[in-house]
Full PDB file with SEQRES, HELIX, SHEET, SSBOND, CRYST1, ORIGX, SCALE, CONECT and MASTER records, all heavy atoms in Angstrom:
SEQRES   1 A   36  SER LYS ALA ARG MET PHE GLU GLY LEU LEU ASP LEU MET          
SEQRES   2 A   36  GLU GLN GLU LEU GLN GLN GLU PHE ARG VAL ILE PHE GLN          
SEQRES   3 A   36  THR HIS LYS GLN ALA GLU ALA ARG VAL GLN                      
HELIX    1 AA1 LYS A    2  THR A   27  1                                  26    
HELIX    2 AA2 ALA A   31  VAL A   35  1                                   5    
CRYST1    1.000    1.000    1.000  90.00  90.00  90.00 P 1           1          
ORIGX1      1.000000  0.000000  0.000000        0.00000                         
ORIGX2      0.000000  1.000000  0.000000        0.00000                         
ORIGX3      0.000000  0.000000  1.000000        0.00000                         
SCALE1      1.000000  0.000000  0.000000        0.00000                         
SCALE2      0.000000  1.000000  0.000000        0.00000                         
SCALE3      0.000000  0.000000  1.000000        0.00000                         
ATOM      1  N   SER A   1      13.081  37.977  -4.244  1.00  0.00           N  
ATOM      2  CA  SER A   1      13.589  37.201  -3.139  1.00  0.00           C  
ATOM      3  C   SER A   1      13.781  35.754  -3.598  1.00  0.00           C  
ATOM      4  O   SER A   1      13.267  35.365  -4.615  1.00  0.00           O  
ATOM      5  CB  SER A   1      12.664  37.302  -1.943  1.00  0.00           C  
ATOM      6  OG  SER A   1      11.445  36.663  -2.237  1.00  0.00           O  
ATOM      7  N   LYS A   2      14.470  34.985  -2.757  1.00  0.00           N  
ATOM      8  CA  LYS A   2      14.634  33.587  -3.095  1.00  0.00           C  
ATOM      9  C   LYS A   2      13.242  32.907  -2.903  1.00  0.00           C  
ATOM     10  O   LYS A   2      12.887  31.967  -3.699  1.00  0.00           O  
ATOM     11  CB  LYS A   2      15.628  32.899  -2.154  1.00  0.00           C  
ATOM     12  CG  LYS A   2      15.866  31.444  -2.496  1.00  0.00           C  
ATOM     13  CD  LYS A   2      17.083  30.881  -1.841  1.00  0.00           C  
ATOM     14  CE  LYS A   2      16.923  30.870  -0.370  1.00  0.00           C  
ATOM     15  NZ  LYS A   2      17.895  29.900   0.288  1.00  0.00           N  
ATOM     16  N   ALA A   3      12.410  33.298  -1.994  1.00  0.00           N  
ATOM     17  CA  ALA A   3      11.078  32.795  -1.801  1.00  0.00           C  
ATOM     18  C   ALA A   3      10.254  32.909  -3.109  1.00  0.00           C  
ATOM     19  O   ALA A   3       9.519  32.015  -3.490  1.00  0.00           O  
ATOM     20  CB  ALA A   3      10.389  33.479  -0.647  1.00  0.00           C  
ATOM     21  N   ARG A   4      10.426  34.067  -3.728  1.00  0.00           N  
ATOM     22  CA  ARG A   4       9.694  34.284  -5.033  1.00  0.00           C  
ATOM     23  C   ARG A   4      10.203  33.297  -6.155  1.00  0.00           C  
ATOM     24  O   ARG A   4       9.458  32.923  -7.014  1.00  0.00           O  
ATOM     25  CB  ARG A   4       9.851  35.709  -5.502  1.00  0.00           C  
ATOM     26  CG  ARG A   4       9.168  36.690  -4.644  1.00  0.00           C  
ATOM     27  CD  ARG A   4       7.649  36.739  -4.919  1.00  0.00           C  
ATOM     28  NE  ARG A   4       7.094  37.789  -4.177  1.00  0.00           N  
ATOM     29  CZ  ARG A   4       5.862  37.857  -3.867  1.00  0.00           C  
ATOM     30  NH1 ARG A   4       5.007  36.969  -4.254  1.00  0.00           N  
ATOM     31  NH2 ARG A   4       5.370  38.893  -3.150  1.00  0.00           N  
ATOM     32  N   MET A   5      11.462  32.941  -6.065  1.00  0.00           N  
ATOM     33  CA  MET A   5      11.999  31.989  -7.025  1.00  0.00           C  
ATOM     34  C   MET A   5      11.317  30.584  -6.774  1.00  0.00           C  
ATOM     35  O   MET A   5      10.876  29.961  -7.742  1.00  0.00           O  
ATOM     36  CB  MET A   5      13.504  31.835  -6.913  1.00  0.00           C  
ATOM     37  CG  MET A   5      14.245  33.164  -7.228  1.00  0.00           C  
ATOM     38  SD  MET A   5      16.010  32.983  -6.968  1.00  0.00           S  
ATOM     39  CE  MET A   5      16.484  34.707  -6.686  1.00  0.00           C  
ATOM     40  N   PHE A   6      11.238  30.242  -5.569  1.00  0.00           N  
ATOM     41  CA  PHE A   6      10.586  28.957  -5.199  1.00  0.00           C  
ATOM     42  C   PHE A   6       9.102  28.995  -5.621  1.00  0.00           C  
ATOM     43  O   PHE A   6       8.585  28.027  -6.185  1.00  0.00           O  
ATOM     44  CB  PHE A   6      10.719  28.658  -3.649  1.00  0.00           C  
ATOM     45  CG  PHE A   6      12.031  28.059  -3.311  1.00  0.00           C  
ATOM     46  CD1 PHE A   6      12.720  28.659  -2.205  1.00  0.00           C  
ATOM     47  CD2 PHE A   6      12.599  26.956  -3.930  1.00  0.00           C  
ATOM     48  CE1 PHE A   6      13.968  28.138  -1.778  1.00  0.00           C  
ATOM     49  CE2 PHE A   6      13.770  26.444  -3.522  1.00  0.00           C  
ATOM     50  CZ  PHE A   6      14.449  26.992  -2.487  1.00  0.00           C  
ATOM     51  N   GLU A   7       8.463  30.173  -5.312  1.00  0.00           N  
ATOM     52  CA  GLU A   7       7.096  30.285  -5.786  1.00  0.00           C  
ATOM     53  C   GLU A   7       6.927  30.236  -7.273  1.00  0.00           C  
ATOM     54  O   GLU A   7       5.934  29.633  -7.835  1.00  0.00           O  
ATOM     55  CB  GLU A   7       6.460  31.643  -5.276  1.00  0.00           C  
ATOM     56  CG  GLU A   7       6.264  31.588  -3.726  1.00  0.00           C  
ATOM     57  CD  GLU A   7       5.818  32.998  -3.254  1.00  0.00           C  
ATOM     58  OE1 GLU A   7       5.909  33.992  -4.006  1.00  0.00           O  
ATOM     59  OE2 GLU A   7       5.438  33.034  -2.101  1.00  0.00           O  
ATOM     60  N   GLY A   8       7.944  30.759  -8.014  1.00  0.00           N  
ATOM     61  CA  GLY A   8       7.909  30.652  -9.509  1.00  0.00           C  
ATOM     62  C   GLY A   8       7.959  29.142  -9.904  1.00  0.00           C  
ATOM     63  O   GLY A   8       7.209  28.795 -10.871  1.00  0.00           O  
ATOM     64  N   LEU A   9       8.746  28.342  -9.238  1.00  0.00           N  
ATOM     65  CA  LEU A   9       8.782  26.943  -9.559  1.00  0.00           C  
ATOM     66  C   LEU A   9       7.467  26.259  -9.252  1.00  0.00           C  
ATOM     67  O   LEU A   9       6.954  25.436 -10.017  1.00  0.00           O  
ATOM     68  CB  LEU A   9       9.899  26.226  -8.774  1.00  0.00           C  
ATOM     69  CG  LEU A   9      11.328  26.391  -9.338  1.00  0.00           C  
ATOM     70  CD1 LEU A   9      12.328  25.661  -8.387  1.00  0.00           C  
ATOM     71  CD2 LEU A   9      11.468  25.919 -10.728  1.00  0.00           C  
ATOM     72  N   LEU A  10       6.917  26.636  -8.120  1.00  0.00           N  
ATOM     73  CA  LEU A  10       5.600  26.020  -7.753  1.00  0.00           C  
ATOM     74  C   LEU A  10       4.507  26.400  -8.774  1.00  0.00           C  
ATOM     75  O   LEU A  10       3.678  25.605  -9.131  1.00  0.00           O  
ATOM     76  CB  LEU A  10       5.195  26.433  -6.326  1.00  0.00           C  
ATOM     77  CG  LEU A  10       6.074  25.856  -5.181  1.00  0.00           C  
ATOM     78  CD1 LEU A  10       5.795  26.647  -3.876  1.00  0.00           C  
ATOM     79  CD2 LEU A  10       5.741  24.346  -5.047  1.00  0.00           C  
ATOM     80  N   ASP A  11       4.518  27.676  -9.214  1.00  0.00           N  
ATOM     81  CA  ASP A  11       3.575  28.147 -10.251  1.00  0.00           C  
ATOM     82  C   ASP A  11       3.733  27.330 -11.508  1.00  0.00           C  
ATOM     83  O   ASP A  11       2.753  26.908 -12.136  1.00  0.00           O  
ATOM     84  CB  ASP A  11       3.802  29.626 -10.527  1.00  0.00           C  
ATOM     85  CG  ASP A  11       3.310  30.514  -9.433  1.00  0.00           C  
ATOM     86  OD1 ASP A  11       2.581  30.099  -8.552  1.00  0.00           O  
ATOM     87  OD2 ASP A  11       3.736  31.707  -9.401  1.00  0.00           O  
ATOM     88  N   LEU A  12       5.000  27.123 -11.967  1.00  0.00           N  
ATOM     89  CA  LEU A  12       5.261  26.391 -13.168  1.00  0.00           C  
ATOM     90  C   LEU A  12       4.774  24.935 -13.007  1.00  0.00           C  
ATOM     91  O   LEU A  12       4.189  24.332 -13.963  1.00  0.00           O  
ATOM     92  CB  LEU A  12       6.761  26.382 -13.517  1.00  0.00           C  
ATOM     93  CG  LEU A  12       7.352  27.707 -14.036  1.00  0.00           C  
ATOM     94  CD1 LEU A  12       8.817  27.571 -14.251  1.00  0.00           C  
ATOM     95  CD2 LEU A  12       6.632  28.032 -15.402  1.00  0.00           C  
ATOM     96  N   MET A  13       5.036  24.362 -11.892  1.00  0.00           N  
ATOM     97  CA  MET A  13       4.632  22.997 -11.583  1.00  0.00           C  
ATOM     98  C   MET A  13       3.123  22.891 -11.687  1.00  0.00           C  
ATOM     99  O   MET A  13       2.541  21.986 -12.314  1.00  0.00           O  
ATOM    100  CB  MET A  13       5.064  22.609 -10.181  1.00  0.00           C  
ATOM    101  CG  MET A  13       4.850  21.220  -9.747  1.00  0.00           C  
ATOM    102  SD  MET A  13       5.328  20.939  -7.949  1.00  0.00           S  
ATOM    103  CE  MET A  13       6.814  21.917  -7.819  1.00  0.00           C  
ATOM    104  N   GLU A  14       2.377  23.816 -11.017  1.00  0.00           N  
ATOM    105  CA  GLU A  14       0.953  23.829 -10.997  1.00  0.00           C  
ATOM    106  C   GLU A  14       0.419  23.961 -12.468  1.00  0.00           C  
ATOM    107  O   GLU A  14      -0.563  23.260 -12.853  1.00  0.00           O  
ATOM    108  CB  GLU A  14       0.439  24.952 -10.140  1.00  0.00           C  
ATOM    109  CG  GLU A  14      -1.064  24.761  -9.774  1.00  0.00           C  
ATOM    110  CD  GLU A  14      -1.447  25.646  -8.595  1.00  0.00           C  
ATOM    111  OE1 GLU A  14      -0.905  26.724  -8.428  1.00  0.00           O  
ATOM    112  OE2 GLU A  14      -2.323  25.181  -7.903  1.00  0.00           O  
ATOM    113  N   GLN A  15       0.962  24.867 -13.211  1.00  0.00           N  
ATOM    114  CA  GLN A  15       0.532  25.089 -14.612  1.00  0.00           C  
ATOM    115  C   GLN A  15       0.727  23.819 -15.443  1.00  0.00           C  
ATOM    116  O   GLN A  15      -0.164  23.443 -16.180  1.00  0.00           O  
ATOM    117  CB  GLN A  15       1.268  26.262 -15.251  1.00  0.00           C  
ATOM    118  CG  GLN A  15       0.917  27.609 -14.698  1.00  0.00           C  
ATOM    119  CD  GLN A  15       1.894  28.675 -15.083  1.00  0.00           C  
ATOM    120  OE1 GLN A  15       2.712  28.489 -15.966  1.00  0.00           O  
ATOM    121  NE2 GLN A  15       1.873  29.818 -14.387  1.00  0.00           N  
ATOM    122  N   GLU A  16       1.900  23.184 -15.305  1.00  0.00           N  
ATOM    123  CA  GLU A  16       2.144  21.999 -16.110  1.00  0.00           C  
ATOM    124  C   GLU A  16       1.212  20.855 -15.742  1.00  0.00           C  
ATOM    125  O   GLU A  16       0.636  20.195 -16.566  1.00  0.00           O  
ATOM    126  CB  GLU A  16       3.592  21.554 -15.873  1.00  0.00           C  
ATOM    127  CG  GLU A  16       4.003  20.404 -16.791  1.00  0.00           C  
ATOM    128  CD  GLU A  16       5.494  20.086 -16.756  1.00  0.00           C  
ATOM    129  OE1 GLU A  16       6.326  20.981 -16.432  1.00  0.00           O  
ATOM    130  OE2 GLU A  16       5.810  18.848 -16.890  1.00  0.00           O  
ATOM    131  N   LEU A  17       0.954  20.695 -14.433  1.00  0.00           N  
ATOM    132  CA  LEU A  17       0.055  19.586 -13.962  1.00  0.00           C  
ATOM    133  C   LEU A  17      -1.382  19.848 -14.401  1.00  0.00           C  
ATOM    134  O   LEU A  17      -2.114  19.020 -14.861  1.00  0.00           O  
ATOM    135  CB  LEU A  17       0.097  19.415 -12.451  1.00  0.00           C  
ATOM    136  CG  LEU A  17       1.414  18.776 -11.946  1.00  0.00           C  
ATOM    137  CD1 LEU A  17       1.429  18.826 -10.473  1.00  0.00           C  
ATOM    138  CD2 LEU A  17       1.473  17.325 -12.421  1.00  0.00           C  
ATOM    139  N   GLN A  18      -1.809  21.145 -14.275  1.00  0.00           N  
ATOM    140  CA  GLN A  18      -3.187  21.490 -14.700  1.00  0.00           C  
ATOM    141  C   GLN A  18      -3.353  21.335 -16.204  1.00  0.00           C  
ATOM    142  O   GLN A  18      -4.466  20.866 -16.616  1.00  0.00           O  
ATOM    143  CB  GLN A  18      -3.534  22.934 -14.231  1.00  0.00           C  
ATOM    144  CG  GLN A  18      -3.661  23.108 -12.796  1.00  0.00           C  
ATOM    145  CD  GLN A  18      -4.626  22.123 -12.092  1.00  0.00           C  
ATOM    146  OE1 GLN A  18      -5.651  21.756 -12.690  1.00  0.00           O  
ATOM    147  NE2 GLN A  18      -4.291  21.640 -10.949  1.00  0.00           N  
ATOM    148  N   GLN A  19      -2.401  21.554 -16.981  1.00  0.00           N  
ATOM    149  CA  GLN A  19      -2.401  21.353 -18.449  1.00  0.00           C  
ATOM    150  C   GLN A  19      -2.614  19.875 -18.714  1.00  0.00           C  
ATOM    151  O   GLN A  19      -3.450  19.494 -19.517  1.00  0.00           O  
ATOM    152  CB  GLN A  19      -1.159  21.860 -19.093  1.00  0.00           C  
ATOM    153  CG  GLN A  19      -1.029  21.563 -20.566  1.00  0.00           C  
ATOM    154  CD  GLN A  19      -1.932  22.422 -21.408  1.00  0.00           C  
ATOM    155  OE1 GLN A  19      -2.233  23.495 -21.007  1.00  0.00           O  
ATOM    156  NE2 GLN A  19      -2.277  21.912 -22.579  1.00  0.00           N  
ATOM    157  N   GLU A  20      -1.873  19.067 -18.013  1.00  0.00           N  
ATOM    158  CA  GLU A  20      -1.981  17.606 -18.175  1.00  0.00           C  
ATOM    159  C   GLU A  20      -3.394  17.081 -17.720  1.00  0.00           C  
ATOM    160  O   GLU A  20      -4.064  16.249 -18.418  1.00  0.00           O  
ATOM    161  CB  GLU A  20      -0.915  16.870 -17.445  1.00  0.00           C  
ATOM    162  CG  GLU A  20       0.474  17.013 -18.084  1.00  0.00           C  
ATOM    163  CD  GLU A  20       1.527  16.097 -17.401  1.00  0.00           C  
ATOM    164  OE1 GLU A  20       1.251  14.967 -17.156  1.00  0.00           O  
ATOM    165  OE2 GLU A  20       2.626  16.656 -17.160  1.00  0.00           O  
ATOM    166  N   PHE A  21      -3.865  17.628 -16.677  1.00  0.00           N  
ATOM    167  CA  PHE A  21      -5.256  17.249 -16.196  1.00  0.00           C  
ATOM    168  C   PHE A  21      -6.273  17.641 -17.146  1.00  0.00           C  
ATOM    169  O   PHE A  21      -7.249  16.913 -17.350  1.00  0.00           O  
ATOM    170  CB  PHE A  21      -5.501  17.846 -14.759  1.00  0.00           C  
ATOM    171  CG  PHE A  21      -4.597  17.265 -13.697  1.00  0.00           C  
ATOM    172  CD1 PHE A  21      -4.574  17.887 -12.438  1.00  0.00           C  
ATOM    173  CD2 PHE A  21      -3.825  16.158 -13.866  1.00  0.00           C  
ATOM    174  CE1 PHE A  21      -3.802  17.369 -11.417  1.00  0.00           C  
ATOM    175  CE2 PHE A  21      -3.053  15.647 -12.865  1.00  0.00           C  
ATOM    176  CZ  PHE A  21      -3.013  16.242 -11.675  1.00  0.00           C  
ATOM    177  N   ARG A  22      -6.206  18.848 -17.748  1.00  0.00           N  
ATOM    178  CA  ARG A  22      -7.185  19.274 -18.762  1.00  0.00           C  
ATOM    179  C   ARG A  22      -7.204  18.277 -19.921  1.00  0.00           C  
ATOM    180  O   ARG A  22      -8.344  17.963 -20.341  1.00  0.00           O  
ATOM    181  CB  ARG A  22      -6.794  20.713 -19.272  1.00  0.00           C  
ATOM    182  CG  ARG A  22      -7.420  21.838 -18.423  1.00  0.00           C  
ATOM    183  CD  ARG A  22      -7.329  23.159 -19.127  1.00  0.00           C  
ATOM    184  NE  ARG A  22      -5.939  23.600 -19.316  1.00  0.00           N  
ATOM    185  CZ  ARG A  22      -5.212  24.229 -18.331  1.00  0.00           C  
ATOM    186  NH1 ARG A  22      -5.788  24.455 -17.189  1.00  0.00           N  
ATOM    187  NH2 ARG A  22      -4.017  24.634 -18.547  1.00  0.00           N  
ATOM    188  N   VAL A  23      -6.081  17.823 -20.403  1.00  0.00           N  
ATOM    189  CA  VAL A  23      -6.067  16.908 -21.475  1.00  0.00           C  
ATOM    190  C   VAL A  23      -6.719  15.539 -21.068  1.00  0.00           C  
ATOM    191  O   VAL A  23      -7.564  14.939 -21.738  1.00  0.00           O  
ATOM    192  CB  VAL A  23      -4.593  16.596 -21.942  1.00  0.00           C  
ATOM    193  CG1 VAL A  23      -4.567  15.434 -22.912  1.00  0.00           C  
ATOM    194  CG2 VAL A  23      -4.030  17.823 -22.541  1.00  0.00           C  
ATOM    195  N   ILE A  24      -6.438  15.132 -19.811  1.00  0.00           N  
ATOM    196  CA  ILE A  24      -7.066  13.888 -19.275  1.00  0.00           C  
ATOM    197  C   ILE A  24      -8.581  14.031 -19.240  1.00  0.00           C  
ATOM    198  O   ILE A  24      -9.336  13.190 -19.678  1.00  0.00           O  
ATOM    199  CB  ILE A  24      -6.525  13.576 -17.875  1.00  0.00           C  
ATOM    200  CG1 ILE A  24      -5.048  13.108 -17.949  1.00  0.00           C  
ATOM    201  CG2 ILE A  24      -7.360  12.515 -17.183  1.00  0.00           C  
ATOM    202  CD1 ILE A  24      -4.270  13.002 -16.644  1.00  0.00           C  
ATOM    203  N   PHE A  25      -9.073  15.169 -18.715  1.00  0.00           N  
ATOM    204  CA  PHE A  25     -10.510  15.393 -18.574  1.00  0.00           C  
ATOM    205  C   PHE A  25     -11.187  15.519 -19.961  1.00  0.00           C  
ATOM    206  O   PHE A  25     -12.363  15.149 -20.117  1.00  0.00           O  
ATOM    207  CB  PHE A  25     -10.765  16.635 -17.728  1.00  0.00           C  
ATOM    208  CG  PHE A  25     -10.730  16.291 -16.272  1.00  0.00           C  
ATOM    209  CD1 PHE A  25      -9.606  15.962 -15.643  1.00  0.00           C  
ATOM    210  CD2 PHE A  25     -11.943  16.342 -15.545  1.00  0.00           C  
ATOM    211  CE1 PHE A  25      -9.560  15.676 -14.243  1.00  0.00           C  
ATOM    212  CE2 PHE A  25     -11.936  16.059 -14.186  1.00  0.00           C  
ATOM    213  CZ  PHE A  25     -10.763  15.707 -13.524  1.00  0.00           C  
ATOM    214  N   GLN A  26     -10.459  16.076 -20.951  1.00  0.00           N  
ATOM    215  CA  GLN A  26     -11.092  16.199 -22.279  1.00  0.00           C  
ATOM    216  C   GLN A  26     -11.105  14.905 -23.053  1.00  0.00           C  
ATOM    217  O   GLN A  26     -12.010  14.645 -23.837  1.00  0.00           O  
ATOM    218  CB  GLN A  26     -10.207  17.221 -23.083  1.00  0.00           C  
ATOM    219  CG  GLN A  26     -10.406  18.677 -22.663  1.00  0.00           C  
ATOM    220  CD  GLN A  26      -9.437  19.594 -23.228  1.00  0.00           C  
ATOM    221  OE1 GLN A  26      -8.574  19.203 -23.985  1.00  0.00           O  
ATOM    222  NE2 GLN A  26      -9.489  20.866 -22.842  1.00  0.00           N  
ATOM    223  N   THR A  27     -10.197  14.034 -22.785  1.00  0.00           N  
ATOM    224  CA  THR A  27     -10.057  12.801 -23.562  1.00  0.00           C  
ATOM    225  C   THR A  27     -10.628  11.489 -22.901  1.00  0.00           C  
ATOM    226  O   THR A  27     -10.769  10.528 -23.529  1.00  0.00           O  
ATOM    227  CB  THR A  27      -8.578  12.514 -23.990  1.00  0.00           C  
ATOM    228  OG1 THR A  27      -7.797  12.476 -22.834  1.00  0.00           O  
ATOM    229  CG2 THR A  27      -8.102  13.664 -24.888  1.00  0.00           C  
ATOM    230  N   HIS A  28     -10.942  11.610 -21.620  1.00  0.00           N  
ATOM    231  CA  HIS A  28     -11.442  10.477 -20.852  1.00  0.00           C  
ATOM    232  C   HIS A  28     -12.676  10.870 -20.084  1.00  0.00           C  
ATOM    233  O   HIS A  28     -12.626  11.828 -19.296  1.00  0.00           O  
ATOM    234  CB  HIS A  28     -10.363   9.935 -19.908  1.00  0.00           C  
ATOM    235  CG  HIS A  28      -9.188   9.362 -20.595  1.00  0.00           C  
ATOM    236  ND1 HIS A  28      -8.134  10.109 -21.049  1.00  0.00           N  
ATOM    237  CD2 HIS A  28      -8.904   8.110 -21.021  1.00  0.00           C  
ATOM    238  CE1 HIS A  28      -7.203   9.351 -21.641  1.00  0.00           C  
ATOM    239  NE2 HIS A  28      -7.694   8.155 -21.679  1.00  0.00           N  
ATOM    240  N   LYS A  29     -13.733  10.155 -20.297  1.00  0.00           N  
ATOM    241  CA  LYS A  29     -15.025  10.501 -19.602  1.00  0.00           C  
ATOM    242  C   LYS A  29     -15.198   9.664 -18.324  1.00  0.00           C  
ATOM    243  O   LYS A  29     -15.921  10.106 -17.464  1.00  0.00           O  
ATOM    244  CB  LYS A  29     -16.217  10.242 -20.600  1.00  0.00           C  
ATOM    245  CG  LYS A  29     -16.139  11.151 -21.821  1.00  0.00           C  
ATOM    246  CD  LYS A  29     -15.992  12.618 -21.468  1.00  0.00           C  
ATOM    247  CE  LYS A  29     -15.719  13.480 -22.699  1.00  0.00           C  
ATOM    248  NZ  LYS A  29     -15.141  14.771 -22.316  1.00  0.00           N  
ATOM    249  N   GLN A  30     -14.613   8.509 -18.247  1.00  0.00           N  
ATOM    250  CA  GLN A  30     -14.825   7.649 -17.098  1.00  0.00           C  
ATOM    251  C   GLN A  30     -14.001   8.176 -15.950  1.00  0.00           C  
ATOM    252  O   GLN A  30     -12.805   8.414 -16.018  1.00  0.00           O  
ATOM    253  CB  GLN A  30     -14.335   6.234 -17.375  1.00  0.00           C  
ATOM    254  CG  GLN A  30     -15.461   5.275 -17.847  1.00  0.00           C  
ATOM    255  CD  GLN A  30     -14.973   3.866 -17.724  1.00  0.00           C  
ATOM    256  OE1 GLN A  30     -13.815   3.546 -17.926  1.00  0.00           O  
ATOM    257  NE2 GLN A  30     -15.903   2.990 -17.376  1.00  0.00           N  
ATOM    258  N   ALA A  31     -14.648   8.367 -14.789  1.00  0.00           N  
ATOM    259  CA  ALA A  31     -13.946   8.921 -13.621  1.00  0.00           C  
ATOM    260  C   ALA A  31     -12.855   8.048 -13.146  1.00  0.00           C  
ATOM    261  O   ALA A  31     -11.755   8.539 -12.710  1.00  0.00           O  
ATOM    262  CB  ALA A  31     -15.017   9.190 -12.488  1.00  0.00           C  
ATOM    263  N   GLU A  32     -13.004   6.740 -13.184  1.00  0.00           N  
ATOM    264  CA  GLU A  32     -12.000   5.827 -12.748  1.00  0.00           C  
ATOM    265  C   GLU A  32     -10.696   5.995 -13.581  1.00  0.00           C  
ATOM    266  O   GLU A  32      -9.618   6.017 -13.018  1.00  0.00           O  
ATOM    267  CB  GLU A  32     -12.510   4.374 -12.847  1.00  0.00           C  
ATOM    268  CG  GLU A  32     -11.651   3.358 -12.184  1.00  0.00           C  
ATOM    269  CD  GLU A  32     -12.215   1.971 -12.350  1.00  0.00           C  
ATOM    270  OE1 GLU A  32     -13.366   1.749 -11.831  1.00  0.00           O  
ATOM    271  OE2 GLU A  32     -11.587   1.112 -12.924  1.00  0.00           O  
ATOM    272  N   ALA A  33     -10.884   6.099 -14.923  1.00  0.00           N  
ATOM    273  CA  ALA A  33      -9.708   6.320 -15.772  1.00  0.00           C  
ATOM    274  C   ALA A  33      -9.101   7.656 -15.483  1.00  0.00           C  
ATOM    275  O   ALA A  33      -7.836   7.765 -15.477  1.00  0.00           O  
ATOM    276  CB  ALA A  33     -10.156   6.267 -17.239  1.00  0.00           C  
ATOM    277  N   ARG A  34      -9.899   8.664 -15.184  1.00  0.00           N  
ATOM    278  CA  ARG A  34      -9.321   9.997 -14.852  1.00  0.00           C  
ATOM    279  C   ARG A  34      -8.450   9.924 -13.620  1.00  0.00           C  
ATOM    280  O   ARG A  34      -7.378  10.485 -13.585  1.00  0.00           O  
ATOM    281  CB  ARG A  34     -10.456  10.995 -14.653  1.00  0.00           C  
ATOM    282  CG  ARG A  34     -11.138  11.433 -15.899  1.00  0.00           C  
ATOM    283  CD  ARG A  34     -12.328  12.382 -15.645  1.00  0.00           C  
ATOM    284  NE  ARG A  34     -12.865  12.909 -16.827  1.00  0.00           N  
ATOM    285  CZ  ARG A  34     -13.859  13.774 -16.896  1.00  0.00           C  
ATOM    286  NH1 ARG A  34     -14.499  14.146 -15.757  1.00  0.00           N  
ATOM    287  NH2 ARG A  34     -14.302  14.185 -18.054  1.00  0.00           N  
ATOM    288  N   VAL A  35      -9.012   9.270 -12.560  1.00  0.00           N  
ATOM    289  CA  VAL A  35      -8.226   9.118 -11.295  1.00  0.00           C  
ATOM    290  C   VAL A  35      -6.905   8.426 -11.599  1.00  0.00           C  
ATOM    291  O   VAL A  35      -5.822   8.916 -11.182  1.00  0.00           O  
ATOM    292  CB  VAL A  35      -9.036   8.330 -10.225  1.00  0.00           C  
ATOM    293  CG1 VAL A  35      -8.157   7.947  -9.089  1.00  0.00           C  
ATOM    294  CG2 VAL A  35     -10.271   9.155  -9.752  1.00  0.00           C  
ATOM    295  N   GLN A  36      -6.934   7.295 -12.309  1.00  0.00           N  
ATOM    296  CA  GLN A  36      -5.700   6.552 -12.623  1.00  0.00           C  
ATOM    297  C   GLN A  36      -4.718   7.447 -13.397  1.00  0.00           C  
ATOM    298  O   GLN A  36      -3.548   7.453 -13.009  1.00  0.00           O  
ATOM    299  CB  GLN A  36      -6.057   5.303 -13.456  1.00  0.00           C  
ATOM    300  CG  GLN A  36      -4.849   4.545 -13.887  1.00  0.00           C  
ATOM    301  CD  GLN A  36      -5.188   3.355 -14.747  1.00  0.00           C  
ATOM    302  OE1 GLN A  36      -6.357   3.087 -15.084  1.00  0.00           O  
ATOM    303  NE2 GLN A  36      -4.148   2.639 -15.192  1.00  0.00           N  
TER     304      GLN A  36                                                      
MASTER        0    0    0    2    0    0    0    6  303    1    0    3          
END                                                                             
């Protein structure tokens, strides 16, 4: 369905953001820097 296509985009978006957040959390220990 078209709804599943939109869900596929949302899944990709979530995966990409979580990948970026993992890198941030691995490379920065200060919480303030992580938030920024």
